[in-house]
């Protein structure tokens, strides 16, 4: 039964430890950042609302993780209905406050309605605003639902300059699924571009993570899998990873988290 511990070791450094709850306070973000340092090594990033970027940076510095764990934040979140000007202003502010990575919600409702240009324009504007910073585009695959629409959204985001395709906000009934992840990975492979994939929403066990690792290895190759290309947007998942690795004190699940 060594497969699960191996999967847990491979998954842990790919985790974007996430806290995106309406009632979040500084204390919640500090606790999140303490969890980013684990007995088995640090996670890839913490993902928080823009108002907590400075808190996260200070907390990571206090944990000795400055420069090792990145700070991601969300814009156009969670509904994906902000205009381009608002999106650019939010990105500018987040980067000025020290964010390393931007997770942008794609305007998926427009695409469902037959409008592909709004999504393209929004991602292009975000790409320009991000400069050299990582841009992850959240496609909300559970709401797009149709494979053809998921593939179209993925291709639009890739063409417009996304660094990562991300499945979900974690705020809708259907979030990450292996079927949607396969579509995103195949779109990345077929594009020939250096784009990553982030699966988020509802991934809580090492067994689930292993399924996605195997899928990514099948489509992209095992060597491709690393924090620069593959992430898990999660918080509750970390507890199960640590338990799988024998850290029996990891039992405090975050209510309402990814």
Protein backbone atom coordinates (compact mmCIF):
# COMPACT_ATOMS: atom_id res chain seq x y z
CA UNK A 1 0.00 0.00 0.00
CA UNK A 2 2.88 2.37 -0.75
CA UNK A 3 1.02 4.09 -3.60
CA UNK A 4 -0.85 6.54 -1.39
CA UNK A 5 2.21 7.73 0.58
CA UNK A 6 4.04 8.23 -2.71
CA UNK A 7 1.11 10.23 -4.06
CA UNK A 8 0.99 12.29 -0.86
CA UNK A 9 4.71 13.12 -1.11
CA UNK A 10 4.28 14.19 -4.73
CA UNK A 11 1.13 16.20 -4.05
CA UNK A 12 2.11 18.20 -0.97
CA UNK A 13 4.54 20.60 -2.73
CA UNK A 14 1.88 21.22 -5.40
CA UNK A 15 -0.77 22.55 -3.01
CA UNK A 16 -2.06 26.11 -3.14
CA UNK A 17 -3.29 26.26 0.45
CA UNK A 18 -6.50 28.23 0.13
CA UNK A 19 -8.68 30.36 2.42
CA UNK A 20 -11.47 32.28 0.66
CA UNK A 21 -14.34 32.69 3.10
CA UNK A 22 -16.49 35.81 3.46
CA UNK A 23 -15.87 36.05 7.19
CA UNK A 24 -12.09 35.64 7.08
CA UNK A 25 -10.01 37.67 9.52
CA UNK A 26 -6.29 38.21 9.95
CA UNK A 27 -6.13 35.39 12.49
CA UNK A 28 -7.49 32.93 9.92
CA UNK A 29 -4.84 33.91 7.40
CA UNK A 30 -2.05 33.67 9.97
CA UNK A 31 -3.25 30.18 10.87
CA UNK A 32 -3.32 29.26 7.19
CA UNK A 33 0.26 30.41 6.75
CA UNK A 34 1.40 28.41 9.78
CA UNK A 35 -0.01 25.34 8.05
CA UNK A 36 2.05 26.14 4.93
CA UNK A 37 5.14 24.90 6.81
CA UNK A 38 4.60 21.18 7.30
CA UNK A 39 6.82 18.45 8.75
CA UNK A 40 7.05 17.13 5.19
CA UNK A 41 8.05 20.40 3.55
CA UNK A 42 6.26 23.57 2.45
CA UNK A 43 3.31 23.90 0.09
CA UNK A 44 3.58 25.80 -3.21
CA UNK A 45 1.50 28.85 -2.29
CA UNK A 46 -1.19 30.31 -0.09
CA UNK A 47 -4.23 31.78 -1.82
CA UNK A 48 -6.18 34.51 0.00
CA UNK A 49 -8.46 37.44 -0.72
CA UNK A 50 -6.66 40.64 -1.82
CA UNK A 51 -7.22 42.38 1.50
CA UNK A 52 -5.08 39.73 3.22
CA UNK A 53 -2.02 39.84 0.94
CA UNK A 54 0.05 41.90 3.39
CA UNK A 55 -1.04 39.71 6.31
CA UNK A 56 0.00 36.58 4.43
CA UNK A 57 3.37 38.04 3.47
CA UNK A 58 4.14 38.96 7.08
CA UNK A 59 2.94 35.60 8.38
CA UNK A 60 5.04 33.67 5.86
CA UNK A 61 8.07 35.75 6.78
CA UNK A 62 7.47 34.93 10.45
CA UNK A 63 7.36 31.24 9.51
CA UNK A 64 10.65 31.50 7.60
CA UNK A 65 8.82 30.85 4.34
CA UNK A 66 9.30 34.21 2.60
CA UNK A 67 10.37 33.55 -0.97
CA UNK A 68 9.62 29.83 -0.63
CA UNK A 69 5.82 29.89 -0.46
CA UNK A 70 4.16 32.19 -2.95
CA UNK A 71 1.17 34.43 -2.25
CA UNK A 72 -1.71 34.09 -4.70
CA UNK A 73 -4.90 36.12 -4.73
CA UNK A 74 -8.17 36.16 -6.66
CA UNK A 75 -9.71 38.80 -8.91
CA UNK A 76 -13.11 38.95 -10.64
CA UNK A 77 -14.04 36.44 -7.95
CA UNK A 78 -16.20 34.46 -7.61
CA UNK A 79 -18.77 35.36 -10.28
CA UNK A 80 -16.52 36.50 -13.14
CA UNK A 81 -18.68 39.50 -14.00
CA UNK A 82 -16.40 42.50 -13.36
CA UNK A 83 -15.49 44.76 -16.26
CA UNK A 84 -12.01 44.97 -17.73
CA UNK A 85 -11.17 48.25 -15.96
CA UNK A 86 -12.12 46.82 -12.57
CA UNK A 87 -10.12 43.66 -13.23
CA UNK A 88 -7.01 45.60 -14.20
CA UNK A 89 -7.33 47.88 -11.16
CA UNK A 90 -7.66 44.85 -8.89
CA UNK A 91 -4.57 43.23 -10.41
CA UNK A 92 -2.55 46.43 -10.16
CA UNK A 93 -3.49 46.79 -6.50
CA UNK A 94 -2.75 43.15 -5.69
CA UNK A 95 0.67 43.26 -7.30
CA UNK A 96 1.48 46.57 -5.61
CA UNK A 97 0.66 44.91 -2.29
CA UNK A 98 3.08 42.06 -2.99
CA UNK A 99 1.05 39.25 -4.57
CA UNK A 100 3.09 36.77 -6.61
CA UNK A 101 0.24 35.14 -8.53
CA UNK A 102 -3.19 36.18 -9.78
CA UNK A 103 -6.14 33.78 -10.10
CA UNK A 104 -8.63 35.40 -12.49
CA UNK A 105 -12.20 34.16 -12.98
CA UNK A 106 -12.99 33.82 -16.67
CA UNK A 107 -16.32 35.44 -17.74
CA UNK A 108 -17.85 32.06 -18.38
CA UNK A 109 -21.44 33.33 -18.54
CA UNK A 110 -20.58 35.34 -21.64
CA UNK A 111 -19.15 32.25 -23.32
CA UNK A 112 -22.25 30.21 -22.47
CA UNK A 113 -24.24 32.97 -24.17
CA UNK A 114 -22.15 32.70 -27.33
CA UNK A 115 -19.76 35.60 -26.65
CA UNK A 116 -16.15 34.44 -26.88
CA UNK A 117 -14.61 37.91 -27.25
CA UNK A 118 -15.37 39.10 -23.72
CA UNK A 119 -13.33 36.26 -22.27
CA UNK A 120 -10.49 36.83 -24.69
CA UNK A 121 -10.39 40.55 -23.95
CA UNK A 122 -10.51 39.99 -20.19
CA UNK A 123 -7.62 37.52 -20.20
CA UNK A 124 -5.55 39.68 -22.57
CA UNK A 125 -6.01 42.69 -20.29
CA UNK A 126 -5.12 40.60 -17.24
CA UNK A 127 -2.04 39.26 -19.01
CA UNK A 128 -0.81 42.79 -19.71
CA UNK A 129 -1.51 43.86 -16.13
CA UNK A 130 0.28 40.83 -14.66
CA UNK A 131 3.50 41.38 -16.60
CA UNK A 132 5.91 38.65 -15.50
CA UNK A 133 3.69 37.48 -12.65
CA UNK A 134 1.84 34.18 -12.88
CA UNK A 135 -1.71 34.40 -14.24
CA UNK A 136 -4.07 31.51 -13.53
CA UNK A 137 -7.42 31.62 -15.33
CA UNK A 138 -10.34 30.00 -13.51
CA UNK A 139 -12.66 28.58 -16.16
CA UNK A 140 -15.47 27.38 -13.84
CA UNK A 141 -15.71 24.13 -15.73
CA UNK A 142 -18.66 22.84 -13.70
CA UNK A 143 -20.78 25.74 -14.92
CA UNK A 144 -19.56 25.52 -18.52
CA UNK A 145 -20.51 21.83 -18.24
CA UNK A 146 -20.34 20.97 -21.95
CA UNK A 147 -16.98 19.50 -23.03
CA UNK A 148 -16.93 21.66 -26.15
CA UNK A 149 -17.42 24.84 -24.09
CA UNK A 150 -14.73 23.81 -21.58
CA UNK A 151 -12.33 23.17 -24.46
CA UNK A 152 -13.21 26.49 -26.09
CA UNK A 153 -12.65 28.40 -22.84
CA UNK A 154 -9.32 26.63 -22.36
CA UNK A 155 -8.16 27.53 -25.86
CA UNK A 156 -9.22 31.16 -25.44
CA UNK A 157 -7.32 31.44 -22.15
CA UNK A 158 -4.20 29.79 -23.56
CA UNK A 159 -4.20 31.99 -26.66
CA UNK A 160 -4.66 35.11 -24.53
CA UNK A 161 -1.65 34.35 -22.34
CA UNK A 162 -2.71 32.31 -19.32
CA UNK A 163 0.13 30.66 -17.39
CA UNK A 164 -2.28 28.15 -15.81
CA UNK A 165 -5.75 26.88 -16.55
CA UNK A 166 -7.73 26.34 -13.36
CA UNK A 167 -10.90 24.31 -13.04
CA UNK A 168 -13.02 26.10 -10.49
CA UNK A 169 -13.64 28.75 -7.85
CA UNK A 170 -14.81 26.14 -5.36
CA UNK A 171 -18.00 28.21 -4.98
CA UNK A 172 -20.36 26.34 -7.33
CA UNK A 173 -22.13 22.96 -7.08
CA UNK A 174 -19.75 21.15 -9.48
CA UNK A 175 -16.08 22.00 -9.19
CA UNK A 176 -13.04 19.95 -10.25
CA UNK A 177 -13.75 16.66 -12.01
CA UNK A 178 -11.33 14.28 -13.75
CA UNK A 179 -13.32 14.73 -16.95
CA UNK A 180 -12.85 18.50 -16.94
CA UNK A 181 -9.19 18.21 -15.94
CA UNK A 182 -8.61 15.89 -18.88
CA UNK A 183 -10.03 18.48 -21.26
CA UNK A 184 -7.77 21.20 -19.84
CA UNK A 185 -4.67 19.00 -19.96
CA UNK A 186 -5.38 17.91 -23.52
CA UNK A 187 -5.86 21.54 -24.57
CA UNK A 188 -2.51 22.41 -23.00
CA UNK A 189 -0.79 19.48 -24.69
CA UNK A 190 -2.30 20.26 -28.06
CA UNK A 191 -1.36 23.95 -27.82
CA UNK A 192 2.36 23.18 -27.50
CA UNK A 193 2.65 26.09 -25.06
CA UNK A 194 4.22 26.20 -21.62
CA UNK A 195 0.97 26.35 -19.66
CA UNK A 196 0.11 24.69 -16.37
CA UNK A 197 -3.07 23.25 -14.86
CA UNK A 198 -4.58 23.83 -11.42
CA UNK A 199 -7.35 21.55 -10.20
CA UNK A 200 -9.43 23.05 -7.41
CA UNK A 201 -12.70 22.50 -5.66
CA UNK A 202 -13.70 19.37 -3.75
CA UNK A 203 -10.35 17.57 -3.70
CA UNK A 204 -9.97 16.39 -0.13
CA UNK A 205 -8.22 13.01 -0.12
CA UNK A 206 -4.88 11.62 -1.19
CA UNK A 207 -6.71 9.07 -3.32
CA UNK A 208 -8.41 11.85 -5.28
CA UNK A 209 -5.11 13.68 -5.71
CA UNK A 210 -3.48 10.50 -6.97
CA UNK A 211 -6.15 10.18 -9.66
CA UNK A 212 -5.28 13.65 -10.95
CA UNK A 213 -1.54 12.98 -10.77
CA UNK A 214 -2.01 9.86 -12.88
CA UNK A 215 -4.13 11.80 -15.36
CA UNK A 216 -1.50 14.53 -15.70
CA UNK A 217 1.25 11.94 -16.13
CA UNK A 218 -0.76 10.14 -18.81
CA UNK A 219 -1.32 13.28 -20.87
CA UNK A 220 1.73 15.46 -20.14
CA UNK A 221 4.33 13.03 -18.80
CA UNK A 222 5.49 12.50 -15.23
CA UNK A 223 8.44 14.91 -15.63
CA UNK A 224 6.03 17.76 -16.37
CA UNK A 225 4.42 17.52 -12.95
CA UNK A 226 5.84 20.11 -10.58
CA UNK A 227 4.73 23.38 -8.93
CA UNK A 228 5.58 25.35 -12.07
CA UNK A 229 3.03 23.31 -14.06
CA UNK A 230 0.59 21.49 -11.80
CA UNK A 231 -1.21 22.65 -8.67
CA UNK A 232 -4.03 21.61 -6.37
CA UNK A 233 -6.21 24.41 -5.04
CA UNK A 234 -7.11 23.02 -1.65
CA UNK A 235 -7.00 23.38 2.09
CA UNK A 236 -8.71 20.31 3.56
CA UNK A 237 -6.55 18.12 1.31
CA UNK A 238 -3.42 19.00 3.28
CA UNK A 239 -4.71 17.25 6.39
CA UNK A 240 -5.24 13.98 4.53
CA UNK A 241 -1.84 14.22 2.86
CA UNK A 242 -0.14 14.61 6.23
CA UNK A 243 -2.15 11.79 7.77
CA UNK A 244 -1.17 9.57 4.85
CA UNK A 245 2.46 10.44 5.54
CA UNK A 246 2.14 9.52 9.21
CA UNK A 247 1.60 12.96 10.70
CA UNK A 248 -1.21 11.97 13.06
CA UNK A 249 -1.60 15.46 14.55
CA UNK A 250 -2.94 16.79 11.24
CA UNK A 251 -6.62 16.65 12.06
CA UNK A 252 -7.92 20.22 11.96
CA UNK A 253 -9.93 20.52 8.75
CA UNK A 254 -10.83 24.03 7.62
CA UNK A 255 -14.61 24.35 7.49
CA UNK A 256 -15.87 25.68 4.19
CA UNK A 257 -12.47 25.60 2.48
CA UNK A 258 -11.63 24.30 -0.97
